[in-house]
Amino acid sequence: MPDSSVASDRTRVFPLELDRLYPVVVRGEGVWVEDSAGKRYLDAMSGGSMAATLGHGRRDIIAAARDQALQLSYVHNERLTNPARERLAAELVEVAPPGMTRVRFTTGGAESNEAALQMARSYHVERGDTKRWHVISPAQAYHGPTMATLALTGRPGLQRPFGPYLSTHHHIPPSTWRFDSTGKAALAALDKVLEEVGPENVSAYFCEPITAAALPAYSPPELFWKGLAERREQHGFLILYDEVVTGMGRTGHWFAAEKLPLAPDIIATAKGLGAGYAAIGGVICQDRVYQAFANGSHKLTHGHTWDGAPVTCAVGLRVIEVLREEGLIDRMRVKGPHLRDELAAALADVPMVREVRGHGFLLGVEYVDPRDGRSFLPPELGTARRVDLTAMDVGLIVYSTMPTRDGYAGDQTLFAPPFTTTDTELTQMVERFAETIRTVAKSIEAELK
């Protein structure tokens, strides 16, 4: 029998964390995964990265990929197209916010975000506005591990040691209960940045409409969004949404943009489009963005080998069919608030838990020092890591984040189950998570005395 977990000194893989044991998962079915020792885990993180939105082992999606591969598996996108690519682009435009008319395919979230940046910059250049290149984004965000996407975050811990390679962008603080619950301070910070760099030099405001890993299930208040829309109208920059996580139904809508009082110019999406069965993403733009190219150079350069490949697009098409046929987005819109309430009720008596946030099947749990109910927990306690490891012990997969060096976020946990999770399985997830947090909270409180 193979080992049930692998350490860095017993593998040829270069792991992300060399001091962590990695369970060897050998099979999955629905919302369950099983390791090589036979232990089963409830997957409350959709594959660990929120990508496996429809659960594991879907024979219909696997069949869609197989059928397409038998007919045509691959052609390059620069000189050729294919029916699956054309159909998927039409389907995405149909479910995207009004005014979106064109899609550029990618093979993942970071690529989608980087392509969105390139599209925004190229849009301004096509219009002769060549000075615009600065990007403003929230300090608490994560947009991917490429040099361009790392530069978008304001989290210094993620950027080290790559600083010399990163573009200098500008960041504003989040509007959380701790710093600015109204959104006024964030708008003031945005105005200050616009004044410092000159609004005529700003290409885009880039953000997650609802944050995933960096501030789980957080979104600024309506005042901020309305103020952002006013400033776009006044200054002419574009608004770009990172919907790598929230796109394709996660929040109870096809795109989280539907919930906000302003429409973006460009949307980047990925994870849910392939549902964990194919590496595929896309960048969707407003018609006025496309028209800048149509009236200009007639080209948007740069792409990747697998962009819009037949097999991956066939998977995307079947994912959209499943979402429609099984009414999963409507279910999440209805069930999401109940799941948030159940999670909050299960943790209500734990002083370490300050807030439970939720949008559809994207939920966040925020922890504080139980001694005052407000301060961040001391980083040396390693609360986030304890939560994840304890959850694994009880057969549950979640994802937690540690405090950030900029002081905007403390320990938090992300809870993002597959859309196909049954009510019974959701209850089991909540029960196991509550058990996890009580265990961790007890040990934390003992150490803080």
Protein backbone atom coordinates (compact mmCIF):
# COMPACT_ATOMS: atom_id res chain seq x y z
CA MET A 1 0.00 0.00 0.00
CA PRO A 2 1.41 3.47 -0.89
CA ASP A 3 2.02 5.98 1.88
CA SER A 4 -1.08 7.93 2.90
CA SER A 5 0.96 11.14 3.06
CA VAL A 6 4.15 12.45 1.49
CA ALA A 7 6.83 14.72 2.97
CA SER A 8 9.30 16.79 0.96
CA ASP A 9 12.16 14.41 1.73
CA ARG A 10 10.25 11.46 0.22
CA THR A 11 9.21 12.84 -3.16
CA ARG A 12 10.66 14.21 -6.37
CA VAL A 13 7.95 16.85 -6.40
CA PHE A 14 8.99 20.35 -5.35
CA PRO A 15 6.09 21.12 -2.95
CA LEU A 16 4.81 24.56 -2.04
CA GLU A 17 5.59 24.02 1.65
CA LEU A 18 8.51 21.80 2.50
CA ASP A 19 7.53 21.31 6.14
CA ARG A 20 4.02 20.05 5.42
CA LEU A 21 2.76 16.47 5.07
CA TYR A 22 0.64 16.05 1.94
CA PRO A 23 -2.13 13.43 2.08
CA VAL A 24 -2.07 11.21 -1.02
CA VAL A 25 -5.61 11.41 -2.42
CA VAL A 26 -6.38 8.58 -4.82
CA ARG A 27 -10.08 8.93 -5.66
CA GLY A 28 -13.08 11.20 -5.37
CA GLU A 29 -16.81 10.87 -5.74
CA GLY A 30 -19.25 13.73 -5.28
CA VAL A 31 -18.05 15.86 -2.36
CA TRP A 32 -15.88 13.11 -0.88
CA VAL A 33 -12.21 12.33 -1.51
CA GLU A 34 -10.28 9.34 -0.21
CA ASP A 35 -6.59 8.93 0.56
CA SER A 36 -4.45 5.88 -0.09
CA ALA A 37 -5.05 4.59 3.45
CA GLY A 38 -8.81 4.62 2.91
CA LYS A 39 -9.59 7.70 5.01
CA ARG A 40 -12.40 9.78 3.54
CA TYR A 41 -12.66 13.56 3.68
CA LEU A 42 -15.56 15.91 3.11
CA ASP A 43 -14.33 18.40 0.55
CA ALA A 44 -15.58 21.78 1.78
CA MET A 45 -13.15 23.56 -0.55
CA SER A 46 -14.15 22.18 -3.96
CA GLY A 47 -10.89 20.37 -4.59
CA GLY A 48 -8.91 22.60 -2.26
CA SER A 49 -8.84 25.64 -4.55
CA MET A 50 -12.58 26.21 -5.21
CA ALA A 51 -12.20 24.77 -8.73
CA ALA A 52 -14.10 21.46 -8.43
CA THR A 53 -17.45 23.25 -8.29
CA LEU A 54 -19.50 20.26 -9.47
CA GLY A 55 -17.81 17.68 -7.29
CA HIS A 56 -15.68 14.72 -8.23
CA GLY A 57 -16.27 11.83 -10.62
CA ARG A 58 -18.88 13.39 -12.95
CA ARG A 59 -19.13 10.84 -15.73
CA ASP A 60 -21.05 13.23 -18.00
CA ILE A 61 -18.28 15.85 -17.99
CA ILE A 62 -15.62 13.18 -18.46
CA ALA A 63 -17.63 11.82 -21.40
CA ALA A 64 -17.86 15.28 -22.96
CA ALA A 65 -14.06 15.58 -22.89
CA ARG A 66 -13.63 12.06 -24.27
CA ASP A 67 -16.10 12.55 -27.10
CA GLN A 68 -14.42 15.79 -28.15
CA ALA A 69 -10.94 14.25 -27.94
CA LEU A 70 -12.00 11.43 -30.23
CA GLN A 71 -13.19 13.96 -32.79
CA LEU A 72 -10.57 16.72 -32.39
CA SER A 73 -8.45 17.27 -29.30
CA TYR A 74 -6.30 20.25 -30.23
CA VAL A 75 -5.77 23.04 -32.72
CA HIS A 76 -4.01 26.31 -32.02
CA ASN A 77 -6.08 29.46 -31.65
CA GLU A 78 -3.93 31.96 -33.56
CA ARG A 79 -4.75 30.73 -37.07
CA LEU A 80 -7.58 28.25 -36.47
CA THR A 81 -10.80 28.03 -34.50
CA ASN A 82 -13.13 25.14 -33.65
CA PRO A 83 -16.86 24.60 -33.00
CA ALA A 84 -16.49 24.06 -29.24
CA ARG A 85 -14.63 27.33 -28.87
CA GLU A 86 -17.22 29.25 -30.89
CA ARG A 87 -20.15 27.73 -28.99
CA LEU A 88 -18.61 28.31 -25.57
CA ALA A 89 -17.88 31.96 -26.35
CA ALA A 90 -21.53 32.44 -27.36
CA GLU A 91 -22.75 30.75 -24.18
CA LEU A 92 -20.51 32.89 -21.95
CA VAL A 93 -21.68 36.10 -23.58
CA GLU A 94 -25.27 34.99 -22.99
CA VAL A 95 -24.80 34.49 -19.22
CA ALA A 96 -22.41 37.43 -18.71
CA PRO A 97 -23.63 40.87 -17.55
CA PRO A 98 -25.34 43.02 -20.19
CA GLY A 99 -23.06 44.64 -22.76
CA MET A 100 -20.42 41.89 -22.71
CA THR A 101 -19.92 40.71 -26.30
CA ARG A 102 -16.50 39.04 -26.71
CA VAL A 103 -14.46 36.32 -25.00
CA ARG A 104 -10.72 35.61 -25.02
CA PHE A 105 -9.94 32.13 -23.67
CA THR A 106 -7.04 31.25 -21.36
CA THR A 107 -5.92 28.19 -19.41
CA GLY A 108 -6.29 29.47 -15.84
CA GLY A 109 -7.04 32.23 -13.39
CA ALA A 110 -3.70 34.03 -13.29
CA GLU A 111 -3.58 33.97 -17.09
CA SER A 112 -7.09 35.42 -17.24
CA ASN A 113 -6.15 38.24 -14.88
CA GLU A 114 -2.96 38.96 -16.76
CA ALA A 115 -4.83 38.91 -20.07
CA ALA A 116 -7.35 41.36 -18.62
CA LEU A 117 -4.50 43.71 -17.71
CA GLN A 118 -3.09 43.44 -21.23
CA MET A 119 -6.51 44.04 -22.75
CA ALA A 120 -7.05 47.17 -20.63
CA ARG A 121 -3.65 48.62 -21.48
CA SER A 122 -4.09 47.78 -25.17
CA TYR A 123 -7.56 49.36 -25.16
CA HIS A 124 -6.10 52.71 -24.11
CA VAL A 125 -3.24 52.41 -26.61
CA GLU A 126 -5.70 51.63 -29.41
CA ARG A 127 -7.47 54.88 -28.58
CA GLY A 128 -4.24 56.87 -28.57
CA ASP A 129 -4.25 57.25 -24.78
CA THR A 130 -0.77 55.80 -24.37
CA LYS A 131 0.04 57.35 -20.98
CA ARG A 132 -2.41 55.13 -19.13
CA TRP A 133 -0.72 52.18 -17.44
CA HIS A 134 -1.12 52.57 -13.66
CA VAL A 135 -3.46 50.13 -11.95
CA ILE A 136 -5.20 50.69 -8.62
CA SER A 137 -6.40 47.72 -6.59
CA PRO A 138 -7.39 46.76 -3.03
CA ALA A 139 -4.53 46.00 -0.68
CA GLN A 140 -6.13 42.75 0.47
CA ALA A 141 -6.45 40.60 -2.62
CA TYR A 142 -4.89 37.68 -4.45
CA HIS A 143 -4.93 37.53 -8.25
CA GLY A 144 -2.36 34.84 -9.04
CA PRO A 145 1.35 33.90 -8.88
CA THR A 146 2.66 35.45 -12.10
CA MET A 147 4.76 38.60 -11.88
CA ALA A 148 1.97 40.76 -13.28
CA THR A 149 -0.70 39.35 -10.97
CA LEU A 150 1.52 39.40 -7.88
CA ALA A 151 2.05 43.12 -8.50
CA LEU A 152 -1.71 43.65 -8.20
CA THR A 153 -1.84 42.60 -4.56
CA GLY A 154 -0.89 44.92 -1.75
CA ARG A 155 0.28 42.05 0.43
CA PRO A 156 4.06 42.42 0.90
CA GLY A 157 4.44 38.91 2.23
CA LEU A 158 3.35 37.49 -1.12
CA GLN A 159 5.55 39.83 -3.15
CA ARG A 160 8.84 39.09 -1.41
CA PRO A 161 11.41 38.35 -2.81
CA PHE A 162 10.09 39.27 -6.27
CA GLY A 163 9.96 43.03 -5.76
CA PRO A 164 12.55 43.89 -8.44
CA TYR A 165 10.41 42.14 -11.06
CA LEU A 166 7.05 43.66 -10.12
CA SER A 167 5.38 46.72 -11.59
CA THR A 168 4.57 49.45 -9.10
CA HIS A 169 0.82 49.64 -8.73
CA HIS A 170 -1.24 51.41 -6.09
CA HIS A 171 -3.45 49.97 -3.38
CA ILE A 172 -6.26 51.15 -1.15
CA PRO A 173 -7.39 49.65 2.19
CA PRO A 174 -10.43 47.38 2.52
CA SER A 175 -13.72 48.62 3.93
CA THR A 176 -14.09 46.08 6.71
CA TRP A 177 -15.77 46.41 10.11
CA ARG A 178 -12.34 46.94 11.62
CA PHE A 179 -11.18 49.86 9.45
CA ASP A 180 -13.97 51.41 7.40
CA SER A 181 -17.45 49.90 7.37
CA THR A 182 -18.92 52.75 5.29
CA GLY A 183 -16.56 52.80 2.30
CA LYS A 184 -15.79 56.50 2.72
CA ALA A 185 -12.17 55.97 3.76
CA ALA A 186 -11.55 53.69 0.76
CA LEU A 187 -12.96 56.31 -1.62
CA ALA A 188 -10.79 58.96 0.01
CA ALA A 189 -7.75 56.70 -0.45
CA LEU A 190 -8.74 56.17 -4.09
CA ASP A 191 -8.96 59.93 -4.63
CA LYS A 192 -5.56 60.40 -3.06
CA VAL A 193 -3.97 57.86 -5.41
CA LEU A 194 -5.68 59.41 -8.42
CA GLU A 195 -4.30 62.79 -7.43
CA GLU A 196 -0.78 61.45 -6.83
CA VAL A 197 -0.38 59.60 -10.13
CA GLY A 198 -2.71 61.75 -12.21
CA PRO A 199 -6.05 60.26 -13.29
CA GLU A 200 -5.00 60.61 -16.93
CA ASN A 201 -2.29 58.01 -16.26
CA VAL A 202 -4.57 55.36 -14.72
CA SER A 203 -5.48 52.39 -16.88
CA ALA A 204 -7.76 50.43 -14.56
CA TYR A 205 -9.19 49.71 -11.16
CA PHE A 206 -8.73 45.96 -10.65
CA CYS A 207 -10.58 44.05 -7.93
CA GLU A 208 -12.57 41.01 -6.88
CA PRO A 209 -16.27 41.93 -6.60
CA ILE A 210 -16.38 39.48 -3.71
CA THR A 211 -13.01 38.49 -2.30
CA ALA A 212 -12.01 34.85 -2.03
CA ALA A 213 -8.79 33.82 -0.27
CA ALA A 214 -7.46 37.18 0.93
CA LEU A 215 -10.60 38.31 2.78
CA PRO A 216 -13.02 35.40 2.42
CA ALA A 217 -16.52 36.45 1.26
CA TYR A 218 -15.85 40.18 1.78
CA SER A 219 -17.24 42.88 -0.49
CA PRO A 220 -17.12 46.67 0.00
CA PRO A 221 -20.36 48.51 0.87
CA GLU A 222 -22.61 49.97 -1.83
CA LEU A 223 -21.34 53.50 -1.21
CA PHE A 224 -17.89 52.47 -2.41
CA TRP A 225 -19.15 50.85 -5.62
CA LYS A 226 -21.25 53.88 -6.51
CA GLY A 227 -18.32 56.17 -5.84
CA LEU A 228 -16.07 53.99 -7.98
CA ALA A 229 -18.56 54.20 -10.86
CA GLU A 230 -18.62 58.00 -10.58
CA ARG A 231 -14.84 58.17 -10.74
CA ARG A 232 -14.68 55.90 -13.78
CA GLU A 233 -17.13 58.19 -15.55
CA GLN A 234 -15.14 61.26 -14.56
CA HIS A 235 -11.61 60.01 -15.23
CA GLY A 236 -11.94 57.40 -17.99
CA PHE A 237 -10.17 54.40 -16.48
CA LEU A 238 -11.59 50.89 -16.85
CA ILE A 239 -12.98 48.64 -14.12
CA LEU A 240 -11.72 45.06 -14.19
CA TYR A 241 -13.26 42.28 -12.11
CA ASP A 242 -11.33 39.21 -11.03
CA GLU A 243 -14.09 36.59 -11.04
CA VAL A 244 -11.74 33.64 -11.18
CA VAL A 245 -13.51 32.25 -8.10
CA THR A 246 -16.89 33.99 -8.16
CA GLY A 247 -17.64 33.49 -11.86
CA MET A 248 -19.80 30.60 -13.06
CA GLY A 249 -22.19 30.49 -10.15
CA ARG A 250 -20.23 30.43 -6.89
CA THR A 251 -22.17 33.33 -5.31
CA GLY A 252 -25.62 32.31 -6.54
CA HIS A 253 -25.32 34.25 -9.80
CA TRP A 254 -23.55 33.46 -13.04
CA PHE A 255 -21.18 36.31 -12.13
CA ALA A 256 -20.93 38.24 -8.87
CA ALA A 257 -21.01 41.42 -10.96
CA GLU A 258 -24.79 40.92 -11.14
CA LYS A 259 -25.03 41.82 -7.44
CA LEU A 260 -23.21 45.14 -7.68
CA PRO A 261 -24.46 48.60 -8.63
CA LEU A 262 -21.95 49.00 -11.47
CA ALA A 263 -21.00 46.90 -14.48
CA PRO A 264 -17.32 46.18 -15.15
CA ASP A 265 -15.60 46.76 -18.46
CA ILE A 266 -13.71 43.45 -18.34
CA ILE A 267 -14.26 40.23 -16.37
CA ALA A 268 -11.60 37.56 -15.85
CA THR A 269 -12.85 34.12 -14.88
CA ALA A 270 -11.55 30.55 -14.67
CA LYS A 271 -11.99 27.91 -11.95
CA GLY A 272 -15.71 27.17 -12.22
CA LEU A 273 -15.63 27.19 -16.01
CA GLY A 274 -13.73 23.89 -16.04
CA ALA A 275 -15.15 22.71 -12.69
CA GLY A 276 -11.91 20.89 -11.95
CA TYR A 277 -12.11 18.75 -15.10
CA ALA A 278 -10.12 21.01 -17.44
CA ALA A 279 -7.73 23.95 -17.19
CA ILE A 280 -9.71 26.74 -18.82
CA GLY A 281 -10.42 30.41 -18.19
CA GLY A 282 -11.67 33.39 -20.08
CA VAL A 283 -11.66 37.17 -20.34
CA ILE A 284 -15.01 38.74 -21.25
CA CYS A 285 -15.25 42.36 -22.30
CA GLN A 286 -17.80 45.06 -22.98
CA ASP A 287 -18.51 45.80 -26.63
CA ARG A 288 -16.91 49.25 -26.39
CA VAL A 289 -13.64 47.61 -25.38
CA TYR A 290 -13.80 45.29 -28.39
CA GLN A 291 -14.71 48.16 -30.71
CA ALA A 292 -11.49 49.99 -29.80
CA PHE A 293 -9.58 47.13 -31.45
CA ALA A 294 -12.06 46.77 -34.28
CA ASN A 295 -11.59 50.45 -35.11
CA GLY A 296 -7.84 50.34 -34.51
CA SER A 297 -5.14 47.75 -35.11
CA HIS A 298 -7.54 44.82 -35.64
CA LYS A 299 -5.54 42.58 -33.32
CA LEU A 300 -5.00 41.66 -29.67
CA THR A 301 -1.63 39.99 -29.52
CA HIS A 302 -0.32 37.34 -27.11
CA GLY A 303 -1.88 34.07 -26.14
CA HIS A 304 -1.05 30.62 -24.84
CA THR A 305 -0.80 27.25 -26.50
CA TRP A 306 -3.99 25.76 -25.05
CA ASP A 307 -6.23 28.85 -25.19
CA GLY A 308 -9.61 27.81 -26.55
CA ALA A 309 -8.61 24.22 -27.29
CA PRO A 310 -11.48 21.91 -28.35
CA VAL A 311 -11.28 19.52 -25.38
CA THR A 312 -11.23 22.19 -22.69
CA CYS A 313 -14.03 24.15 -24.37
CA ALA A 314 -16.14 20.99 -24.60
CA VAL A 315 -15.77 20.64 -20.82
CA GLY A 316 -16.81 24.28 -20.35
CA LEU A 317 -19.91 23.72 -22.49
CA ARG A 318 -20.96 20.70 -20.45
CA VAL A 319 -20.38 22.62 -17.20
CA ILE A 320 -22.76 25.35 -18.33
CA GLU A 321 -25.33 22.71 -19.35
CA VAL A 322 -25.11 21.07 -15.91
CA LEU A 323 -25.53 24.40 -14.12
CA ARG A 324 -28.69 25.03 -16.13
CA GLU A 325 -30.15 21.50 -16.13
CA GLU A 326 -29.70 20.96 -12.39
CA GLY A 327 -30.70 24.47 -11.32
CA LEU A 328 -27.54 24.77 -9.25
CA ILE A 329 -27.15 28.53 -9.37
CA ASP A 330 -30.70 29.09 -8.15
CA ARG A 331 -30.12 26.53 -5.41
CA MET A 332 -27.02 28.33 -4.19
CA ARG A 333 -28.78 31.67 -4.22
CA VAL A 334 -31.47 30.19 -1.97
CA LYS A 335 -29.36 27.81 0.09
CA GLY A 336 -26.35 30.09 0.57
CA PRO A 337 -27.91 32.37 3.22
CA HIS A 338 -29.17 29.31 5.13
CA LEU A 339 -25.70 27.76 5.07
CA ARG A 340 -24.19 30.99 6.36
CA ASP A 341 -26.76 31.13 9.17
CA GLU A 342 -26.17 27.48 10.08
CA LEU A 343 -22.43 28.05 10.21
CA ALA A 344 -22.83 31.20 12.30
CA ALA A 345 -25.19 29.45 14.72
CA ALA A 346 -22.83 26.50 15.13
CA LEU A 347 -19.99 28.89 16.05
CA ALA A 348 -22.00 31.46 18.03
CA ASP A 349 -20.63 30.36 21.41
CA VAL A 350 -16.96 30.48 20.34
CA PRO A 351 -15.44 33.82 21.46
CA MET A 352 -12.61 33.44 18.96
CA VAL A 353 -15.09 33.73 16.06
CA ARG A 354 -15.91 37.36 15.28
CA GLU A 355 -17.77 37.16 11.98
CA VAL A 356 -19.22 34.67 9.50
CA ARG A 357 -19.71 36.17 6.02
CA GLY A 358 -21.32 34.54 3.03
CA HIS A 359 -22.41 34.92 -0.59
CA GLY A 360 -23.86 31.74 -2.06
CA PHE A 361 -21.41 28.92 -1.48
CA LEU A 362 -18.52 31.27 -0.71
CA LEU A 363 -18.21 31.81 3.04
CA GLY A 364 -15.60 33.28 5.32
CA VAL A 365 -14.99 32.91 9.06
CA GLU A 366 -12.92 35.60 10.77
CA TYR A 367 -11.10 35.00 14.07
CA VAL A 368 -10.10 37.47 16.79
CA ASP A 369 -8.32 37.40 20.11
CA PRO A 370 -10.96 36.06 22.54
CA ARG A 371 -9.63 38.28 25.31
CA ASP A 372 -11.08 41.44 23.75
CA GLY A 373 -13.14 40.16 20.82
CA ARG A 374 -11.45 42.55 18.38
CA SER A 375 -7.67 42.32 18.13
CA PHE A 376 -5.88 40.02 15.72
CA LEU A 377 -4.68 36.75 17.21
CA PRO A 378 -0.90 36.71 17.77
CA PRO A 379 0.69 35.35 14.55
CA GLU A 380 3.02 33.07 16.49
CA LEU A 381 0.00 30.97 17.51
CA GLY A 382 -0.38 29.77 13.91
CA THR A 383 -4.15 29.67 14.23
CA ALA A 384 -4.87 29.26 10.52
CA ARG A 385 -2.57 26.26 10.19
CA ARG A 386 -4.04 24.67 13.30
CA VAL A 387 -7.53 25.00 11.86
CA ASP A 388 -6.58 23.32 8.60
CA LEU A 389 -4.68 20.45 10.24
CA THR A 390 -7.37 19.84 12.87
CA ALA A 391 -10.02 19.82 10.18
CA MET A 392 -8.05 17.17 8.28
CA ASP A 393 -7.94 15.07 11.45
CA VAL A 394 -11.75 15.02 11.57
CA GLY A 395 -12.06 14.34 7.84
CA LEU A 396 -12.77 17.84 6.51
CA ILE A 397 -10.93 19.94 3.93
CA VAL A 398 -10.99 23.74 4.43
CA TYR A 399 -8.54 26.52 3.64
CA SER A 400 -7.35 29.13 6.14
CA THR A 401 -5.20 32.23 5.76
CA MET A 402 -2.72 33.69 8.21
CA PRO A 403 -2.34 37.34 9.33
CA THR A 404 -0.89 39.71 6.75
CA ARG A 405 2.08 41.99 7.32
CA ASP A 406 0.12 45.07 6.28
CA GLY A 407 -2.17 44.67 9.29
CA TYR A 408 -5.41 44.54 7.29
CA ALA A 409 -6.30 40.89 7.89
CA GLY A 410 -5.90 38.28 10.60
CA ASP A 411 -6.56 34.54 10.71
CA GLN A 412 -9.54 33.49 8.61
CA THR A 413 -11.04 30.37 7.06
CA LEU A 414 -12.59 29.95 3.65
CA PHE A 415 -15.56 27.59 3.30
CA ALA A 416 -16.51 26.85 -0.32
CA PRO A 417 -18.21 23.49 -0.92
CA PRO A 418 -19.12 22.10 -4.34
CA PHE A 419 -22.45 23.27 -5.75
CA THR A 420 -23.71 19.68 -5.74
CA THR A 421 -23.31 19.18 -1.98
CA THR A 422 -26.52 17.74 -0.51
CA ASP A 423 -28.24 19.23 2.52
CA THR A 424 -27.12 16.26 4.61
CA GLU A 425 -23.52 16.71 3.51
CA LEU A 426 -23.66 20.45 4.23
CA THR A 427 -24.85 19.66 7.76
CA GLN A 428 -21.96 17.22 8.19
CA MET A 429 -19.50 19.86 6.98
CA VAL A 430 -20.86 22.40 9.46
CA GLU A 431 -20.72 19.87 12.30
CA ARG A 432 -17.14 18.86 11.55
CA PHE A 433 -16.06 22.46 11.15
CA ALA A 434 -17.66 23.46 14.46
CA GLU A 435 -15.86 20.56 16.13
CA THR A 436 -12.62 21.75 14.56
CA ILE A 437 -12.99 25.35 15.72
CA ARG A 438 -13.96 24.39 19.26
CA THR A 439 -10.87 22.18 19.51
CA VAL A 440 -8.57 24.90 18.18
CA ALA A 441 -10.22 27.65 20.25
CA LYS A 442 -9.80 25.63 23.45
CA SER A 443 -6.07 25.22 22.89
CA ILE A 444 -5.66 28.89 21.85
CA GLU A 445 -7.50 30.16 24.92
CA ALA A 446 -5.34 28.01 27.17
CA GLU A 447 -2.17 29.47 25.67
CA LEU A 448 -3.42 33.05 25.93
CA LYS A 449 -4.09 32.89 29.66
